């Protein structure tokens, strides 16, 4: 669960940083976070920072599945900012809250599994129970995001936009290749909110 706390903290800190101080502050935050990830990867197995980011089930490619989500997060954050501007905060929140809650719920309560693509021949599975948790987490994330993004004015009722976009998020996370949902869960929610809103 330490990995998901790290994940949750990074995305929420990114959302707060950009919402409060803008993209320049976010770039500084991203640079500092990159140094922490690099340090953890260099130190490797057994180091507390490395262990906070790595999953046992990703053996023997645990480092790959630290580096892949890192680059997915970086690419997703840059793409969301370039394409959607300050609406990117919604992507940080959905990736941070929705994705962070899905895995622990799936591990603890999941009974019905399904496979997801993995580029590194590490078997990857998710659960339907975890996907429901992603949906519920994204409902909360979207409600927060729509409240804190100053440029977000919806033409459609948030009671329609929030559950529909949360469903888009849950399906997106369910079909995203292992390690790449940090990218898709930043970009797709922003596009769906702007399309529906």
C-alpha atoms as a PDB file:
ATOM      1  CA  UNK A   1       0.000   0.000   0.000  1.00  0.00           C
ATOM      2  CA  UNK A   2       3.023   2.286   0.391  1.00  0.00           C
ATOM      3  CA  UNK A   3       3.238   2.465  -3.410  1.00  0.00           C
ATOM      4  CA  UNK A   4      -0.311   3.747  -3.689  1.00  0.00           C
ATOM      5  CA  UNK A   5       0.234   6.297  -0.909  1.00  0.00           C
ATOM      6  CA  UNK A   6       3.257   7.575  -2.879  1.00  0.00           C
ATOM      7  CA  UNK A   7       1.159   7.623  -6.073  1.00  0.00           C
ATOM      8  CA  UNK A   8      -1.741   9.418  -4.383  1.00  0.00           C
ATOM      9  CA  UNK A   9       0.570  11.972  -2.737  1.00  0.00           C
ATOM     10  CA  UNK A  10       2.464  12.826  -5.928  1.00  0.00           C
ATOM     11  CA  UNK A  11      -0.653  13.396  -8.021  1.00  0.00           C
ATOM     12  CA  UNK A  12      -2.456  15.401  -5.337  1.00  0.00           C
ATOM     13  CA  UNK A  13       0.634  17.517  -4.717  1.00  0.00           C
ATOM     14  CA  UNK A  14       0.904  18.139  -8.477  1.00  0.00           C
ATOM     15  CA  UNK A  15      -2.757  19.184  -8.644  1.00  0.00           C
ATOM     16  CA  UNK A  16      -2.396  21.530  -5.657  1.00  0.00           C
ATOM     17  CA  UNK A  17       0.881  22.980  -6.961  1.00  0.00           C
ATOM     18  CA  UNK A  18      -0.524  23.804 -10.377  1.00  0.00           C
ATOM     19  CA  UNK A  19      -3.863  25.063  -9.029  1.00  0.00           C
ATOM     20  CA  UNK A  20      -2.200  27.356  -6.477  1.00  0.00           C
ATOM     21  CA  UNK A  21       1.036  28.481  -8.148  1.00  0.00           C
ATOM     22  CA  UNK A  22       0.776  27.635 -11.845  1.00  0.00           C
ATOM     23  CA  UNK A  23       2.671  25.614 -14.392  1.00  0.00           C
ATOM     24  CA  UNK A  24       6.126  27.022 -13.516  1.00  0.00           C
ATOM     25  CA  UNK A  25       5.841  25.761  -9.942  1.00  0.00           C
ATOM     26  CA  UNK A  26       4.597  22.428 -11.269  1.00  0.00           C
ATOM     27  CA  UNK A  27       7.728  22.138 -13.431  1.00  0.00           C
ATOM     28  CA  UNK A  28       9.916  22.659 -10.346  1.00  0.00           C
ATOM     29  CA  UNK A  29       7.857  20.065  -8.443  1.00  0.00           C
ATOM     30  CA  UNK A  30       8.165  17.646 -11.379  1.00  0.00           C
ATOM     31  CA  UNK A  31      11.921  18.131 -11.504  1.00  0.00           C
ATOM     32  CA  UNK A  32      12.292  17.425  -7.798  1.00  0.00           C
ATOM     33  CA  UNK A  33      10.064  14.359  -8.050  1.00  0.00           C
ATOM     34  CA  UNK A  34      12.143  13.115 -10.986  1.00  0.00           C
ATOM     35  CA  UNK A  35      15.283  13.337  -8.853  1.00  0.00           C
ATOM     36  CA  UNK A  36      13.611  11.294  -6.105  1.00  0.00           C
ATOM     37  CA  UNK A  37      12.547   8.605  -8.595  1.00  0.00           C
ATOM     38  CA  UNK A  38      16.036   8.527 -10.138  1.00  0.00           C
ATOM     39  CA  UNK A  39      17.654   8.214  -6.702  1.00  0.00           C
ATOM     40  CA  UNK A  40      15.290   5.369  -5.754  1.00  0.00           C
ATOM     41  CA  UNK A  41      16.009   3.487  -8.983  1.00  0.00           C
ATOM     42  CA  UNK A  42      19.777   3.903  -8.530  1.00  0.00           C
ATOM     43  CA  UNK A  43      19.596   2.609  -4.941  1.00  0.00           C
ATOM     44  CA  UNK A  44      17.447  -0.344  -6.067  1.00  0.00           C
ATOM     45  CA  UNK A  45      16.035  -3.348  -4.219  1.00  0.00           C
ATOM     46  CA  UNK A  46      15.738  -2.966  -0.482  1.00  0.00           C
ATOM     47  CA  UNK A  47      15.962   0.826  -0.336  1.00  0.00           C
ATOM     48  CA  UNK A  48      12.816   2.306   1.292  1.00  0.00           C
ATOM     49  CA  UNK A  49      12.116   4.719  -1.586  1.00  0.00           C
ATOM     50  CA  UNK A  50      12.520   1.959  -4.158  1.00  0.00           C
ATOM     51  CA  UNK A  51      10.278  -0.362  -2.171  1.00  0.00           C
ATOM     52  CA  UNK A  52       7.679   2.436  -1.865  1.00  0.00           C
ATOM     53  CA  UNK A  53       7.400   2.498  -5.663  1.00  0.00           C
ATOM     54  CA  UNK A  54       7.973  -1.138  -6.680  1.00  0.00           C
ATOM     55  CA  UNK A  55       5.486  -3.999  -6.677  1.00  0.00           C
ATOM     56  CA  UNK A  56       6.449  -7.533  -5.719  1.00  0.00           C
ATOM     57  CA  UNK A  57       4.199  -8.938  -8.430  1.00  0.00           C
ATOM     58  CA  UNK A  58       6.244  -7.107 -11.093  1.00  0.00           C
ATOM     59  CA  UNK A  59       9.335  -9.250 -10.423  1.00  0.00           C
ATOM     60  CA  UNK A  60      11.697  -9.667 -12.210  1.00  0.00           C
ATOM     61  CA  UNK A  61      11.016  -6.306 -13.898  1.00  0.00           C
ATOM     62  CA  UNK A  62      10.228  -4.132 -10.886  1.00  0.00           C
ATOM     63  CA  UNK A  63      12.508  -1.309 -12.032  1.00  0.00           C
ATOM     64  CA  UNK A  64      10.849  -1.277 -15.455  1.00  0.00           C
ATOM     65  CA  UNK A  65       7.489  -0.809 -13.736  1.00  0.00           C
ATOM     66  CA  UNK A  66       8.813   2.138 -11.751  1.00  0.00           C
ATOM     67  CA  UNK A  67      10.300   3.783 -14.827  1.00  0.00           C
ATOM     68  CA  UNK A  68       7.333   3.090 -17.156  1.00  0.00           C
ATOM     69  CA  UNK A  69       4.694   4.742 -14.916  1.00  0.00           C
ATOM     70  CA  UNK A  70       7.125   7.606 -14.301  1.00  0.00           C
ATOM     71  CA  UNK A  71       7.406   8.313 -18.039  1.00  0.00           C
ATOM     72  CA  UNK A  72       3.664   7.707 -18.500  1.00  0.00           C
ATOM     73  CA  UNK A  73       3.006  10.305 -15.783  1.00  0.00           C
ATOM     74  CA  UNK A  74       5.443  12.767 -17.324  1.00  0.00           C
ATOM     75  CA  UNK A  75       4.079  12.360 -20.861  1.00  0.00           C
ATOM     76  CA  UNK A  76       0.472  12.480 -19.627  1.00  0.00           C
ATOM     77  CA  UNK A  77       1.090  15.636 -17.579  1.00  0.00           C
ATOM     78  CA  UNK A  78       2.828  17.431 -20.444  1.00  0.00           C
ATOM     79  CA  UNK A  79       0.174  16.364 -22.962  1.00  0.00           C
ATOM     80  CA  UNK A  80      -2.691  17.364 -20.661  1.00  0.00           C
ATOM     81  CA  UNK A  81      -1.162  20.803 -20.064  1.00  0.00           C
ATOM     82  CA  UNK A  82      -0.339  21.444 -23.728  1.00  0.00           C
ATOM     83  CA  UNK A  83      -3.758  20.319 -24.958  1.00  0.00           C
ATOM     84  CA  UNK A  84      -6.074  21.293 -22.085  1.00  0.00           C
ATOM     85  CA  UNK A  85      -4.289  24.017 -20.073  1.00  0.00           C
ATOM     86  CA  UNK A  86      -5.371  24.337 -16.458  1.00  0.00           C
ATOM     87  CA  UNK A  87      -7.994  21.599 -16.961  1.00  0.00           C
ATOM     88  CA  UNK A  88      -4.980  19.240 -16.621  1.00  0.00           C
ATOM     89  CA  UNK A  89      -5.586  19.477 -12.862  1.00  0.00           C
ATOM     90  CA  UNK A  90      -8.654  17.281 -13.406  1.00  0.00           C
ATOM     91  CA  UNK A  91      -6.383  14.671 -14.982  1.00  0.00           C
ATOM     92  CA  UNK A  92      -4.010  14.761 -12.001  1.00  0.00           C
ATOM     93  CA  UNK A  93      -6.919  14.245  -9.618  1.00  0.00           C
ATOM     94  CA  UNK A  94      -8.521  11.379 -11.543  1.00  0.00           C
ATOM     95  CA  UNK A  95      -5.168   9.594 -11.963  1.00  0.00           C
ATOM     96  CA  UNK A  96      -4.209  10.294  -8.362  1.00  0.00           C
ATOM     97  CA  UNK A  97      -7.439   9.390  -6.622  1.00  0.00           C
ATOM     98  CA  UNK A  98      -9.172   6.967  -8.988  1.00  0.00           C
ATOM     99  CA  UNK A  99      -6.141   4.899  -9.882  1.00  0.00           C
ATOM    100  CA  UNK A 100      -4.725   4.990  -6.352  1.00  0.00           C
ATOM    101  CA  UNK A 101      -7.880   3.527  -4.847  1.00  0.00           C
ATOM    102  CA  UNK A 102      -8.475   0.857  -7.499  1.00  0.00           C
ATOM    103  CA  UNK A 103      -5.489  -1.387  -6.818  1.00  0.00           C
ATOM    104  CA  UNK A 104      -5.808  -1.728  -3.015  1.00  0.00           C
ATOM    105  CA  UNK A 105      -9.546  -2.400  -3.316  1.00  0.00           C
ATOM    106  CA  UNK A 106      -8.886  -4.943  -6.066  1.00  0.00           C
ATOM    107  CA  UNK A 107      -6.188  -6.690  -4.020  1.00  0.00           C
ATOM    108  CA  UNK A 108      -8.249  -6.814  -0.821  1.00  0.00           C
ATOM    109  CA  UNK A 109     -11.756  -7.453  -2.178  1.00  0.00           C
ATOM    110  CA  UNK A 110     -11.254  -8.522  -5.792  1.00  0.00           C
ATOM    111  CA  UNK A 111     -12.643 -11.898  -6.752  1.00  0.00           C
ATOM    112  CA  UNK A 112     -13.292 -11.444 -10.466  1.00  0.00           C
ATOM    113  CA  UNK A 113     -10.114 -10.818 -12.433  1.00  0.00           C
ATOM    114  CA  UNK A 114      -9.424  -9.866 -16.020  1.00  0.00           C
ATOM    115  CA  UNK A 115      -6.138  -9.591 -17.908  1.00  0.00           C
ATOM    116  CA  UNK A 116      -4.695  -6.348 -19.208  1.00  0.00           C
ATOM    117  CA  UNK A 117      -2.017  -5.860 -21.861  1.00  0.00           C
ATOM    118  CA  UNK A 118       1.578  -5.758 -20.648  1.00  0.00           C
ATOM    119  CA  UNK A 119       4.527  -4.885 -22.848  1.00  0.00           C
ATOM    120  CA  UNK A 120       7.124  -6.648 -20.698  1.00  0.00           C
ATOM    121  CA  UNK A 121       5.710 -10.169 -20.422  1.00  0.00           C
ATOM    122  CA  UNK A 122       4.814  -9.609 -16.790  1.00  0.00           C
ATOM    123  CA  UNK A 123       1.304 -11.023 -16.329  1.00  0.00           C
ATOM    124  CA  UNK A 124      -0.998  -8.146 -15.444  1.00  0.00           C
ATOM    125  CA  UNK A 125      -4.473  -8.519 -14.008  1.00  0.00           C
ATOM    126  CA  UNK A 126      -7.061  -6.160 -12.652  1.00  0.00           C
ATOM    127  CA  UNK A 127     -10.358  -6.894 -10.949  1.00  0.00           C
ATOM    128  CA  UNK A 128     -13.890  -5.753 -11.578  1.00  0.00           C
ATOM    129  CA  UNK A 129     -14.119  -4.725  -7.922  1.00  0.00           C
ATOM    130  CA  UNK A 130     -11.018  -2.548  -8.397  1.00  0.00           C
ATOM    131  CA  UNK A 131     -12.579  -1.013 -11.516  1.00  0.00           C
ATOM    132  CA  UNK A 132     -15.705  -0.111  -9.538  1.00  0.00           C
ATOM    133  CA  UNK A 133     -13.430   1.558  -6.973  1.00  0.00           C
ATOM    134  CA  UNK A 134     -11.712   3.497  -9.802  1.00  0.00           C
ATOM    135  CA  UNK A 135     -15.151   4.706 -10.918  1.00  0.00           C
ATOM    136  CA  UNK A 136     -16.092   5.854  -7.404  1.00  0.00           C
ATOM    137  CA  UNK A 137     -12.692   7.462  -6.826  1.00  0.00           C
ATOM    138  CA  UNK A 138     -13.023   9.311 -10.118  1.00  0.00           C
ATOM    139  CA  UNK A 139     -16.480  10.580  -9.126  1.00  0.00           C
ATOM    140  CA  UNK A 140     -14.871  12.192  -6.070  1.00  0.00           C
ATOM    141  CA  UNK A 141     -11.870  13.431  -8.077  1.00  0.00           C
ATOM    142  CA  UNK A 142     -14.070  15.010 -10.741  1.00  0.00           C
ATOM    143  CA  UNK A 143     -16.265  16.725  -8.159  1.00  0.00           C
ATOM    144  CA  UNK A 144     -13.140  18.237  -6.574  1.00  0.00           C
ATOM    145  CA  UNK A 145     -11.600  19.072  -9.951  1.00  0.00           C
ATOM    146  CA  UNK A 146     -14.659  20.864 -11.265  1.00  0.00           C
ATOM    147  CA  UNK A 147     -14.746  22.931  -8.071  1.00  0.00           C
ATOM    148  CA  UNK A 148     -11.070  23.983  -8.127  1.00  0.00           C
ATOM    149  CA  UNK A 149     -10.402  24.617 -11.825  1.00  0.00           C
ATOM    150  CA  UNK A 150     -11.369  28.258 -12.315  1.00  0.00           C
ATOM    151  CA  UNK A 151     -11.829  28.031 -16.089  1.00  0.00           C
ATOM    152  CA  UNK A 152     -14.257  25.100 -15.887  1.00  0.00           C
ATOM    153  CA  UNK A 153     -17.754  26.268 -16.677  1.00  0.00           C
ATOM    154  CA  UNK A 154     -20.042  23.446 -17.686  1.00  0.00           C
ATOM    155  CA  UNK A 155     -22.957  23.822 -20.068  1.00  0.00           C
ATOM    156  CA  UNK A 156     -24.198  20.386 -19.005  1.00  0.00           C
ATOM    157  CA  UNK A 157     -25.260  19.453 -15.487  1.00  0.00           C
ATOM    158  CA  UNK A 158     -22.394  18.137 -13.342  1.00  0.00           C
ATOM    159  CA  UNK A 159     -24.808  15.376 -12.284  1.00  0.00           C
ATOM    160  CA  UNK A 160     -24.494  14.091 -15.860  1.00  0.00           C
ATOM    161  CA  UNK A 161     -20.865  15.018 -16.576  1.00  0.00           C
ATOM    162  CA  UNK A 162     -19.324  13.543 -13.410  1.00  0.00           C
ATOM    163  CA  UNK A 163     -20.711   9.969 -13.622  1.00  0.00           C
ATOM    164  CA  UNK A 164     -20.249   9.749 -17.400  1.00  0.00           C
ATOM    165  CA  UNK A 165     -16.625  10.941 -17.234  1.00  0.00           C
ATOM    166  CA  UNK A 166     -15.981   8.683 -14.213  1.00  0.00           C
ATOM    167  CA  UNK A 167     -17.244   5.756 -16.316  1.00  0.00           C
ATOM    168  CA  UNK A 168     -14.895   6.828 -19.138  1.00  0.00           C
ATOM    169  CA  UNK A 169     -12.072   6.841 -16.548  1.00  0.00           C
ATOM    170  CA  UNK A 170     -12.911   3.368 -15.234  1.00  0.00           C
ATOM    171  CA  UNK A 171     -13.054   1.892 -18.753  1.00  0.00           C
ATOM    172  CA  UNK A 172      -9.858   3.726 -19.744  1.00  0.00           C
ATOM    173  CA  UNK A 173      -8.012   2.362 -16.704  1.00  0.00           C
ATOM    174  CA  UNK A 174      -9.399  -1.125 -17.373  1.00  0.00           C
ATOM    175  CA  UNK A 175      -8.018  -1.292 -20.926  1.00  0.00           C
ATOM    176  CA  UNK A 176      -4.766   0.642 -20.431  1.00  0.00           C
ATOM    177  CA  UNK A 177      -1.582  -1.413 -20.717  1.00  0.00           C
ATOM    178  CA  UNK A 178       0.168  -2.230 -17.439  1.00  0.00           C
ATOM    179  CA  UNK A 179       2.070   0.861 -16.288  1.00  0.00           C
ATOM    180  CA  UNK A 180       0.539   3.267 -18.820  1.00  0.00           C
ATOM    181  CA  UNK A 181      -2.701   4.188 -17.041  1.00  0.00           C
ATOM    182  CA  UNK A 182      -0.922   7.205 -15.507  1.00  0.00           C
ATOM    183  CA  UNK A 183      -0.903   8.683 -19.015  1.00  0.00           C
ATOM    184  CA  UNK A 184      -4.385   7.684 -20.145  1.00  0.00           C
ATOM    185  CA  UNK A 185      -6.030   8.682 -16.841  1.00  0.00           C
ATOM    186  CA  UNK A 186      -4.645  12.197 -17.184  1.00  0.00           C
ATOM    187  CA  UNK A 187      -5.582  12.807 -20.827  1.00  0.00           C
ATOM    188  CA  UNK A 188      -8.926  11.038 -21.354  1.00  0.00           C
ATOM    189  CA  UNK A 189     -10.784  12.633 -18.400  1.00  0.00           C
ATOM    190  CA  UNK A 190      -9.760  16.140 -19.508  1.00  0.00           C
ATOM    191  CA  UNK A 191     -10.949  15.458 -23.061  1.00  0.00           C
ATOM    192  CA  UNK A 192     -14.205  13.896 -21.833  1.00  0.00           C
ATOM    193  CA  UNK A 193     -14.970  16.788 -19.444  1.00  0.00           C
ATOM    194  CA  UNK A 194     -14.428  19.365 -22.195  1.00  0.00           C
ATOM    195  CA  UNK A 195     -16.393  17.311 -24.721  1.00  0.00           C
ATOM    196  CA  UNK A 196     -19.370  16.720 -22.427  1.00  0.00           C
ATOM    197  CA  UNK A 197     -19.239  19.979 -20.499  1.00  0.00           C
END
